[in-house]
Amino acid sequence: MKTQSSKEIRLYNILFPIWLLIWIPSYLWLFLIPANYLIDRLVLSWSLRNEDSRKELVRKNTWKACIAGFAADLAGSLFLLAVYLLIDKLNLPSEQAMENALGWNPFTSLPGILIVLLAVLISGILIFLLDRSILCKAGLDHEKAKKSALTMAVCTAPYLFLVPSSIIY
């Protein structure tokens, strides 16, 4: 006699793409957060090297830029996750190749690398916009804030999205 209905259980990829793995709370954060802060501090200091009030601007705004960078990286990760899930739902003929490219190695297909580069670009644009706003609110001239934010965006965009998970797992 069977009283419970049987349910289908599916296990998909247990190995997460690297761009998703960094958002799972772990000991990795003990390295990622200070490293990101240090990189942001160095790039911000370098981008403001000709500013008289550089030390003060860097001291007061590095955490803001760091948090903005994490927010922008999260937006890029969410974009990749949305595309990954959308491809899975659409059941496209090239679904497996695209899922492989987005989740495992972006260099295995041209559309895959283009989507990952778009995610890096989205995050970079958000870094630029957020950092420019932070620096303008800190009292920096609009043109100088724009140049510094552009440097921050180019240097701190999440190029980690391009690292194939296959080299880690």
N, C-alpha and C. Protein backbone atom coordinates (compact mmCIF):
# COMPACT_ATOMS: atom_id res chain seq x y z
N MET A 1 0.83 -1.17 0.00
CA MET A 1 0.00 0.00 0.00
C MET A 1 0.88 1.24 0.00
N LYS A 2 0.63 2.11 -0.96
CA LYS A 2 1.43 3.31 -1.12
C LYS A 2 0.59 4.52 -0.71
N THR A 3 0.98 5.18 0.39
CA THR A 3 0.21 6.31 0.88
C THR A 3 0.76 7.65 0.43
N GLN A 4 2.02 7.71 0.15
CA GLN A 4 2.62 8.97 -0.29
C GLN A 4 2.81 8.95 -1.80
N SER A 5 2.61 10.08 -2.40
CA SER A 5 2.85 10.16 -3.83
C SER A 5 4.34 10.27 -4.08
N SER A 6 4.78 9.60 -5.10
CA SER A 6 6.22 9.68 -5.41
C SER A 6 6.49 10.95 -6.20
N LYS A 7 7.57 11.60 -5.84
CA LYS A 7 7.95 12.84 -6.50
C LYS A 7 9.24 12.61 -7.26
N GLU A 8 9.33 13.25 -8.40
CA GLU A 8 10.53 13.16 -9.20
C GLU A 8 11.58 14.11 -8.61
N ILE A 9 12.75 13.59 -8.40
CA ILE A 9 13.84 14.39 -7.86
C ILE A 9 14.91 14.50 -8.94
N ARG A 10 15.29 15.73 -9.22
CA ARG A 10 16.32 15.97 -10.23
C ARG A 10 17.49 16.69 -9.60
N LEU A 11 18.67 16.24 -9.91
CA LEU A 11 19.88 16.92 -9.49
C LEU A 11 20.56 17.47 -10.73
N TYR A 12 20.70 18.77 -10.76
CA TYR A 12 21.38 19.40 -11.88
C TYR A 12 22.84 19.60 -11.51
N ASN A 13 23.44 20.61 -12.03
CA ASN A 13 24.83 20.92 -11.74
C ASN A 13 25.03 21.22 -10.26
N ILE A 14 25.81 20.43 -9.61
CA ILE A 14 26.14 20.71 -8.21
C ILE A 14 27.31 21.70 -8.18
N LEU A 15 28.13 21.68 -9.20
CA LEU A 15 29.24 22.63 -9.29
C LEU A 15 28.72 23.94 -9.85
N PHE A 16 28.85 24.98 -9.08
CA PHE A 16 28.35 26.29 -9.50
C PHE A 16 29.36 26.98 -10.39
N PRO A 17 28.88 27.81 -11.31
CA PRO A 17 29.81 28.66 -12.07
C PRO A 17 30.55 29.57 -11.09
N ILE A 18 31.76 29.92 -11.40
CA ILE A 18 32.57 30.73 -10.49
C ILE A 18 31.91 32.07 -10.18
N TRP A 19 31.21 32.65 -11.15
CA TRP A 19 30.57 33.95 -10.93
C TRP A 19 29.39 33.84 -9.97
N LEU A 20 28.87 32.66 -9.77
CA LEU A 20 27.79 32.44 -8.81
C LEU A 20 28.36 31.99 -7.46
N LEU A 21 29.43 31.26 -7.51
CA LEU A 21 30.05 30.71 -6.30
C LEU A 21 30.51 31.81 -5.33
N ILE A 22 30.97 32.94 -5.87
CA ILE A 22 31.48 33.99 -4.98
C ILE A 22 30.40 34.65 -4.14
N TRP A 23 29.12 34.44 -4.49
CA TRP A 23 28.03 35.04 -3.71
C TRP A 23 27.52 34.14 -2.59
N ILE A 24 28.02 32.92 -2.54
CA ILE A 24 27.62 31.99 -1.48
C ILE A 24 28.51 32.28 -0.27
N PRO A 25 27.91 32.59 0.89
CA PRO A 25 28.72 32.90 2.07
C PRO A 25 29.69 31.75 2.39
N SER A 26 30.96 32.11 2.49
CA SER A 26 31.98 31.11 2.80
C SER A 26 33.22 31.81 3.32
N TYR A 27 34.21 31.01 3.68
CA TYR A 27 35.49 31.55 4.12
C TYR A 27 36.18 32.34 3.02
N LEU A 28 35.79 32.14 1.79
CA LEU A 28 36.34 32.86 0.65
C LEU A 28 36.15 34.37 0.82
N TRP A 29 35.05 34.76 1.49
CA TRP A 29 34.78 36.17 1.72
C TRP A 29 35.85 36.83 2.58
N LEU A 30 36.50 36.04 3.45
CA LEU A 30 37.57 36.59 4.28
C LEU A 30 38.74 37.08 3.43
N PHE A 31 38.85 36.56 2.24
CA PHE A 31 39.87 37.00 1.30
C PHE A 31 39.30 38.04 0.31
N LEU A 32 38.10 37.77 -0.21
CA LEU A 32 37.52 38.62 -1.26
C LEU A 32 37.26 40.05 -0.82
N ILE A 33 36.68 40.22 0.35
CA ILE A 33 36.31 41.57 0.78
C ILE A 33 37.54 42.45 1.01
N PRO A 34 38.53 41.98 1.80
CA PRO A 34 39.73 42.83 1.97
C PRO A 34 40.50 43.04 0.65
N ALA A 35 40.57 42.01 -0.18
CA ALA A 35 41.29 42.15 -1.45
C ALA A 35 40.59 43.16 -2.35
N ASN A 36 39.27 43.10 -2.40
CA ASN A 36 38.51 44.05 -3.21
C ASN A 36 38.69 45.47 -2.67
N TYR A 37 38.65 45.62 -1.36
CA TYR A 37 38.84 46.94 -0.75
C TYR A 37 40.23 47.48 -1.09
N LEU A 38 41.24 46.65 -0.96
CA LEU A 38 42.62 47.09 -1.24
C LEU A 38 42.78 47.49 -2.71
N ILE A 39 42.23 46.70 -3.61
CA ILE A 39 42.32 47.03 -5.04
C ILE A 39 41.59 48.35 -5.32
N ASP A 40 40.39 48.50 -4.75
CA ASP A 40 39.64 49.75 -4.95
C ASP A 40 40.41 50.94 -4.39
N ARG A 41 41.02 50.76 -3.24
CA ARG A 41 41.78 51.86 -2.63
C ARG A 41 42.98 52.25 -3.50
N LEU A 42 43.70 51.25 -4.01
CA LEU A 42 44.86 51.53 -4.86
C LEU A 42 44.45 52.22 -6.16
N VAL A 43 43.40 51.70 -6.80
CA VAL A 43 42.96 52.28 -8.07
C VAL A 43 42.39 53.68 -7.86
N LEU A 44 41.63 53.88 -6.80
CA LEU A 44 41.08 55.21 -6.52
C LEU A 44 42.21 56.20 -6.23
N SER A 45 43.17 55.78 -5.45
CA SER A 45 44.31 56.65 -5.15
C SER A 45 45.08 56.99 -6.42
N TRP A 46 45.30 55.99 -7.26
CA TRP A 46 46.03 56.21 -8.51
C TRP A 46 45.23 57.13 -9.44
N SER A 47 43.91 56.94 -9.50
CA SER A 47 43.10 57.75 -10.41
C SER A 47 42.98 59.21 -9.94
N LEU A 48 43.25 59.45 -8.67
CA LEU A 48 43.20 60.81 -8.12
C LEU A 48 44.59 61.35 -7.81
N ARG A 49 45.60 60.81 -8.43
CA ARG A 49 46.99 61.14 -8.10
C ARG A 49 47.34 62.63 -8.23
N ASN A 50 46.61 63.37 -9.05
CA ASN A 50 46.90 64.80 -9.23
C ASN A 50 46.01 65.71 -8.37
N GLU A 51 45.22 65.10 -7.51
CA GLU A 51 44.31 65.86 -6.64
C GLU A 51 45.01 66.27 -5.35
N ASP A 52 44.81 67.51 -4.95
CA ASP A 52 45.38 67.99 -3.70
C ASP A 52 44.79 67.27 -2.49
N SER A 53 43.50 66.99 -2.55
CA SER A 53 42.82 66.36 -1.41
C SER A 53 42.67 64.85 -1.61
N ARG A 54 43.62 64.25 -2.33
CA ARG A 54 43.55 62.83 -2.66
C ARG A 54 43.42 61.94 -1.43
N LYS A 55 44.28 62.13 -0.43
CA LYS A 55 44.26 61.25 0.74
C LYS A 55 42.91 61.27 1.43
N GLU A 56 42.35 62.46 1.58
CA GLU A 56 41.05 62.61 2.24
C GLU A 56 39.94 61.97 1.41
N LEU A 57 39.96 62.21 0.10
CA LEU A 57 38.95 61.62 -0.78
C LEU A 57 39.02 60.09 -0.77
N VAL A 58 40.22 59.56 -0.83
CA VAL A 58 40.41 58.12 -0.83
C VAL A 58 39.96 57.53 0.51
N ARG A 59 40.37 58.15 1.59
CA ARG A 59 40.03 57.65 2.93
C ARG A 59 38.52 57.61 3.15
N LYS A 60 37.84 58.64 2.73
CA LYS A 60 36.39 58.75 2.97
C LYS A 60 35.53 57.97 1.97
N ASN A 61 36.07 57.65 0.80
CA ASN A 61 35.20 57.11 -0.26
C ASN A 61 35.54 55.71 -0.74
N THR A 62 36.61 55.12 -0.23
CA THR A 62 36.96 53.78 -0.70
C THR A 62 35.88 52.76 -0.34
N TRP A 63 35.36 52.81 0.89
CA TRP A 63 34.31 51.85 1.27
C TRP A 63 33.07 52.02 0.40
N LYS A 64 32.74 53.26 0.09
CA LYS A 64 31.57 53.51 -0.77
C LYS A 64 31.80 52.90 -2.15
N ALA A 65 32.99 53.12 -2.69
CA ALA A 65 33.33 52.57 -4.01
C ALA A 65 33.36 51.04 -3.97
N CYS A 66 33.84 50.50 -2.86
CA CYS A 66 33.90 49.04 -2.70
C CYS A 66 32.50 48.44 -2.68
N ILE A 67 31.60 49.04 -1.92
CA ILE A 67 30.22 48.55 -1.86
C ILE A 67 29.54 48.72 -3.21
N ALA A 68 29.78 49.85 -3.86
CA ALA A 68 29.22 50.08 -5.20
C ALA A 68 29.73 49.02 -6.17
N GLY A 69 31.00 48.66 -6.06
CA GLY A 69 31.58 47.63 -6.93
C GLY A 69 30.93 46.28 -6.70
N PHE A 70 30.71 45.92 -5.43
CA PHE A 70 30.03 44.66 -5.14
C PHE A 70 28.61 44.67 -5.70
N ALA A 71 27.91 45.80 -5.58
CA ALA A 71 26.55 45.90 -6.12
C ALA A 71 26.57 45.74 -7.64
N ALA A 72 27.51 46.37 -8.30
CA ALA A 72 27.62 46.27 -9.75
C ALA A 72 27.98 44.84 -10.17
N ASP A 73 28.87 44.20 -9.43
CA ASP A 73 29.23 42.81 -9.73
C ASP A 73 28.03 41.88 -9.53
N LEU A 74 27.25 42.16 -8.50
CA LEU A 74 26.05 41.37 -8.27
C LEU A 74 25.07 41.53 -9.44
N ALA A 75 24.93 42.74 -9.94
CA ALA A 75 24.04 42.98 -11.08
C ALA A 75 24.51 42.18 -12.30
N GLY A 76 25.81 42.16 -12.55
CA GLY A 76 26.34 41.37 -13.66
C GLY A 76 26.12 39.87 -13.45
N SER A 77 26.29 39.41 -12.22
CA SER A 77 26.04 38.01 -11.90
C SER A 77 24.58 37.64 -12.09
N LEU A 78 23.69 38.54 -11.66
CA LEU A 78 22.26 38.28 -11.82
C LEU A 78 21.87 38.25 -13.30
N PHE A 79 22.50 39.11 -14.09
CA PHE A 79 22.27 39.08 -15.54
C PHE A 79 22.67 37.71 -16.10
N LEU A 80 23.87 37.24 -15.73
CA LEU A 80 24.33 35.94 -16.22
C LEU A 80 23.40 34.81 -15.76
N LEU A 81 22.98 34.88 -14.51
CA LEU A 81 22.08 33.85 -13.98
C LEU A 81 20.74 33.88 -14.73
N ALA A 82 20.21 35.07 -14.99
CA ALA A 82 18.94 35.19 -15.71
C ALA A 82 19.06 34.60 -17.12
N VAL A 83 20.16 34.91 -17.81
CA VAL A 83 20.36 34.37 -19.16
C VAL A 83 20.51 32.85 -19.09
N TYR A 84 21.27 32.38 -18.12
CA TYR A 84 21.48 30.94 -17.92
C TYR A 84 20.15 30.23 -17.71
N LEU A 85 19.30 30.78 -16.85
CA LEU A 85 18.00 30.16 -16.56
C LEU A 85 17.05 30.29 -17.75
N LEU A 86 17.11 31.40 -18.45
CA LEU A 86 16.26 31.60 -19.63
C LEU A 86 16.60 30.59 -20.72
N ILE A 87 17.87 30.37 -20.94
CA ILE A 87 18.29 29.40 -21.96
C ILE A 87 17.79 28.01 -21.58
N ASP A 88 17.85 27.69 -20.29
CA ASP A 88 17.37 26.39 -19.81
C ASP A 88 15.86 26.24 -20.05
N LYS A 89 15.10 27.31 -19.82
CA LYS A 89 13.64 27.26 -19.98
C LYS A 89 13.20 27.21 -21.44
N LEU A 90 13.98 27.83 -22.34
CA LEU A 90 13.58 27.91 -23.75
C LEU A 90 13.80 26.61 -24.51
N ASN A 91 14.60 25.71 -23.97
CA ASN A 91 14.92 24.43 -24.63
C ASN A 91 15.40 24.63 -26.07
N LEU A 92 16.34 25.51 -26.24
CA LEU A 92 16.90 25.78 -27.56
C LEU A 92 17.75 24.59 -28.02
N PRO A 93 17.91 24.43 -29.34
CA PRO A 93 18.73 23.33 -29.84
C PRO A 93 20.18 23.42 -29.34
N SER A 94 20.67 24.62 -29.18
CA SER A 94 22.06 24.79 -28.74
C SER A 94 22.14 25.03 -27.23
N GLU A 95 21.09 24.60 -26.51
CA GLU A 95 20.99 24.86 -25.07
C GLU A 95 22.21 24.34 -24.31
N GLN A 96 22.61 23.12 -24.55
CA GLN A 96 23.72 22.53 -23.79
C GLN A 96 25.02 23.29 -24.02
N ALA A 97 25.26 23.71 -25.26
CA ALA A 97 26.49 24.45 -25.56
C ALA A 97 26.48 25.81 -24.86
N MET A 98 25.34 26.47 -24.83
CA MET A 98 25.25 27.78 -24.18
C MET A 98 25.36 27.65 -22.66
N GLU A 99 24.69 26.66 -22.09
CA GLU A 99 24.80 26.45 -20.64
C GLU A 99 26.24 26.13 -20.27
N ASN A 100 26.90 25.34 -21.09
CA ASN A 100 28.30 25.01 -20.86
C ASN A 100 29.15 26.27 -20.91
N ALA A 101 28.88 27.13 -21.89
CA ALA A 101 29.65 28.36 -22.04
C ALA A 101 29.43 29.30 -20.86
N LEU A 102 28.19 29.47 -20.42
CA LEU A 102 27.90 30.41 -19.34
C LEU A 102 28.29 29.87 -17.97
N GLY A 103 28.16 28.59 -17.76
CA GLY A 103 28.40 28.03 -16.45
C GLY A 103 29.75 27.38 -16.25
N TRP A 104 30.41 27.03 -17.33
CA TRP A 104 31.62 26.24 -17.20
C TRP A 104 32.84 26.90 -17.85
N ASN A 105 32.69 27.29 -19.12
CA ASN A 105 33.81 27.89 -19.84
C ASN A 105 33.28 28.79 -20.95
N PRO A 106 33.33 30.11 -20.76
CA PRO A 106 32.76 31.02 -21.76
C PRO A 106 33.46 30.96 -23.11
N PHE A 107 34.66 30.42 -23.15
CA PHE A 107 35.42 30.40 -24.40
C PHE A 107 35.04 29.23 -25.31
N THR A 108 34.03 28.45 -24.92
CA THR A 108 33.63 27.32 -25.76
C THR A 108 32.66 27.70 -26.87
N SER A 109 32.08 28.90 -26.79
CA SER A 109 31.19 29.33 -27.88
C SER A 109 31.22 30.84 -28.00
N LEU A 110 31.06 31.32 -29.22
CA LEU A 110 31.05 32.75 -29.46
C LEU A 110 29.89 33.45 -28.75
N PRO A 111 28.66 32.91 -28.85
CA PRO A 111 27.57 33.57 -28.11
C PRO A 111 27.82 33.58 -26.59
N GLY A 112 28.41 32.52 -26.09
CA GLY A 112 28.71 32.44 -24.66
C GLY A 112 29.68 33.52 -24.22
N ILE A 113 30.76 33.69 -24.96
CA ILE A 113 31.75 34.71 -24.58
C ILE A 113 31.15 36.11 -24.73
N LEU A 114 30.31 36.30 -25.75
CA LEU A 114 29.68 37.61 -25.94
C LEU A 114 28.73 37.95 -24.78
N ILE A 115 27.99 36.96 -24.31
CA ILE A 115 27.09 37.18 -23.18
C ILE A 115 27.87 37.49 -21.92
N VAL A 116 28.96 36.78 -21.68
CA VAL A 116 29.79 37.03 -20.50
C VAL A 116 30.44 38.41 -20.61
N LEU A 117 30.92 38.77 -21.79
CA LEU A 117 31.49 40.11 -21.97
C LEU A 117 30.44 41.19 -21.76
N LEU A 118 29.20 40.92 -22.16
CA LEU A 118 28.12 41.86 -21.91
C LEU A 118 27.88 42.02 -20.40
N ALA A 119 27.96 40.94 -19.65
CA ALA A 119 27.80 41.01 -18.19
C ALA A 119 28.92 41.84 -17.57
N VAL A 120 30.15 41.66 -18.06
CA VAL A 120 31.28 42.46 -17.57
C VAL A 120 31.04 43.93 -17.90
N LEU A 121 30.56 44.20 -19.11
CA LEU A 121 30.27 45.57 -19.53
C LEU A 121 29.16 46.20 -18.68
N ILE A 122 28.11 45.45 -18.42
CA ILE A 122 27.01 45.96 -17.57
C ILE A 122 27.55 46.34 -16.21
N SER A 123 28.34 45.46 -15.61
CA SER A 123 28.93 45.75 -14.30
C SER A 123 29.86 46.95 -14.38
N GLY A 124 30.67 47.02 -15.43
CA GLY A 124 31.59 48.14 -15.59
C GLY A 124 30.87 49.48 -15.71
N ILE A 125 29.79 49.49 -16.47
CA ILE A 125 29.00 50.72 -16.62
C ILE A 125 28.39 51.13 -15.28
N LEU A 126 27.89 50.15 -14.53
CA LEU A 126 27.33 50.45 -13.21
C LEU A 126 28.41 50.96 -12.25
N ILE A 127 29.59 50.38 -12.30
CA ILE A 127 30.70 50.85 -11.48
C ILE A 127 30.99 52.32 -11.82
N PHE A 128 31.07 52.61 -13.11
CA PHE A 128 31.32 53.98 -13.55
C PHE A 128 30.27 54.94 -13.01
N LEU A 129 29.00 54.61 -13.21
CA LEU A 129 27.92 55.50 -12.80
C LEU A 129 27.88 55.70 -11.28
N LEU A 130 28.03 54.61 -10.55
CA LEU A 130 27.98 54.71 -9.08
C LEU A 130 29.19 55.46 -8.53
N ASP A 131 30.39 55.14 -9.04
CA ASP A 131 31.59 55.82 -8.55
C ASP A 131 31.60 57.30 -8.93
N ARG A 132 31.12 57.62 -10.12
CA ARG A 132 31.04 59.04 -10.51
C ARG A 132 30.12 59.79 -9.56
N SER A 133 29.00 59.18 -9.24
CA SER A 133 28.06 59.80 -8.30
C SER A 133 28.69 59.97 -6.92
N ILE A 134 29.39 58.96 -6.44
CA ILE A 134 30.05 59.03 -5.13
C ILE A 134 31.07 60.15 -5.11
N LEU A 135 31.87 60.24 -6.15
CA LEU A 135 32.94 61.25 -6.19
C LEU A 135 32.38 62.66 -6.38
N CYS A 136 31.32 62.80 -7.15
CA CYS A 136 30.68 64.13 -7.29
C CYS A 136 30.10 64.58 -5.96
N LYS A 137 29.44 63.66 -5.25
CA LYS A 137 28.87 63.99 -3.94
C LYS A 137 29.97 64.30 -2.92
N ALA A 138 31.16 63.76 -3.14
CA ALA A 138 32.29 64.03 -2.24
C ALA A 138 32.91 65.40 -2.51
N GLY A 139 32.42 66.08 -3.56
CA GLY A 139 32.90 67.43 -3.85
C GLY A 139 33.91 67.52 -4.97
N LEU A 140 34.18 66.41 -5.62
CA LEU A 140 35.13 66.42 -6.73
C LEU A 140 34.47 67.04 -7.96
N ASP A 141 35.23 67.80 -8.71
CA ASP A 141 34.77 68.39 -9.97
C ASP A 141 34.22 67.28 -10.87
N HIS A 142 33.13 67.59 -11.60
CA HIS A 142 32.45 66.59 -12.42
C HIS A 142 33.39 65.91 -13.41
N GLU A 143 34.23 66.67 -14.07
CA GLU A 143 35.15 66.10 -15.07
C GLU A 143 36.18 65.18 -14.42
N LYS A 144 36.71 65.58 -13.27
CA LYS A 144 37.67 64.74 -12.55
C LYS A 144 36.99 63.48 -12.01
N ALA A 145 35.77 63.63 -11.53
CA ALA A 145 35.01 62.48 -11.03
C ALA A 145 34.75 61.49 -12.16
N LYS A 146 34.45 62.02 -13.34
CA LYS A 146 34.21 61.19 -14.51
C LYS A 146 35.46 60.39 -14.90
N LYS A 147 36.60 61.05 -14.93
CA LYS A 147 37.86 60.38 -15.27
C LYS A 147 38.22 59.31 -14.24
N SER A 148 38.09 59.65 -12.97
CA SER A 148 38.41 58.71 -11.92
C SER A 148 37.46 57.51 -11.95
N ALA A 149 36.17 57.77 -12.15
CA ALA A 149 35.18 56.70 -12.20
C ALA A 149 35.42 55.79 -13.40
N LEU A 150 35.84 56.36 -14.51
CA LEU A 150 36.15 55.56 -15.70
C LEU A 150 37.35 54.66 -15.42
N THR A 151 38.36 55.19 -14.76
CA THR A 151 39.52 54.38 -14.39
C THR A 151 39.10 53.25 -13.46
N MET A 152 38.25 53.58 -12.48
CA MET A 152 37.76 52.56 -11.55
C MET A 152 36.98 51.48 -12.31
N ALA A 153 36.14 51.88 -13.23
CA ALA A 153 35.31 50.93 -13.98
C ALA A 153 36.17 49.99 -14.82
N VAL A 154 37.14 50.55 -15.52
CA VAL A 154 38.00 49.72 -16.39
C VAL A 154 38.88 48.79 -15.56
N CYS A 155 39.42 49.28 -14.47
CA CYS A 155 40.36 48.48 -13.67
C CYS A 155 39.68 47.48 -12.74
N THR A 156 38.44 47.76 -12.32
CA THR A 156 37.82 46.88 -11.33
C THR A 156 36.57 46.15 -11.83
N ALA A 157 36.33 46.18 -13.14
CA ALA A 157 35.20 45.42 -13.69
C ALA A 157 35.40 43.94 -13.34
N PRO A 158 34.33 43.17 -13.25
CA PRO A 158 34.46 41.76 -12.82
C PRO A 158 34.96 40.83 -13.92
N TYR A 159 36.25 40.94 -14.21
CA TYR A 159 36.86 40.08 -15.22
C TYR A 159 36.87 38.62 -14.76
N LEU A 160 36.58 38.39 -13.50
CA LEU A 160 36.46 37.04 -12.96
C LEU A 160 35.38 36.24 -13.70
N PHE A 161 34.39 36.94 -14.25
CA PHE A 161 33.34 36.26 -15.02
C PHE A 161 33.93 35.49 -16.19
N LEU A 162 35.07 35.93 -16.68
CA LEU A 162 35.71 35.30 -17.85
C LEU A 162 36.55 34.08 -17.49
N VAL A 163 36.83 33.91 -16.21
CA VAL A 163 37.65 32.77 -15.78
C VAL A 163 36.81 31.50 -15.89
N PRO A 164 37.28 30.53 -16.67
CA PRO A 164 36.51 29.29 -16.79
C PRO A 164 36.48 28.53 -15.46
N SER A 165 35.29 28.13 -15.06
CA SER A 165 35.14 27.32 -13.84
C SER A 165 35.88 26.00 -14.00
N SER A 166 36.05 25.57 -15.24
CA SER A 166 36.68 24.28 -15.51
C SER A 166 38.13 24.22 -15.04
N ILE A 167 38.79 25.38 -14.89
CA ILE A 167 40.18 25.32 -14.41
C ILE A 167 40.26 25.20 -12.88
N ILE A 168 39.14 25.44 -12.21
CA ILE A 168 39.11 25.36 -10.75
C ILE A 168 38.59 24.01 -10.29
N TYR A 169 37.56 23.50 -10.95
CA TYR A 169 36.95 22.23 -10.55
C TYR A 169 37.62 21.06 -11.23
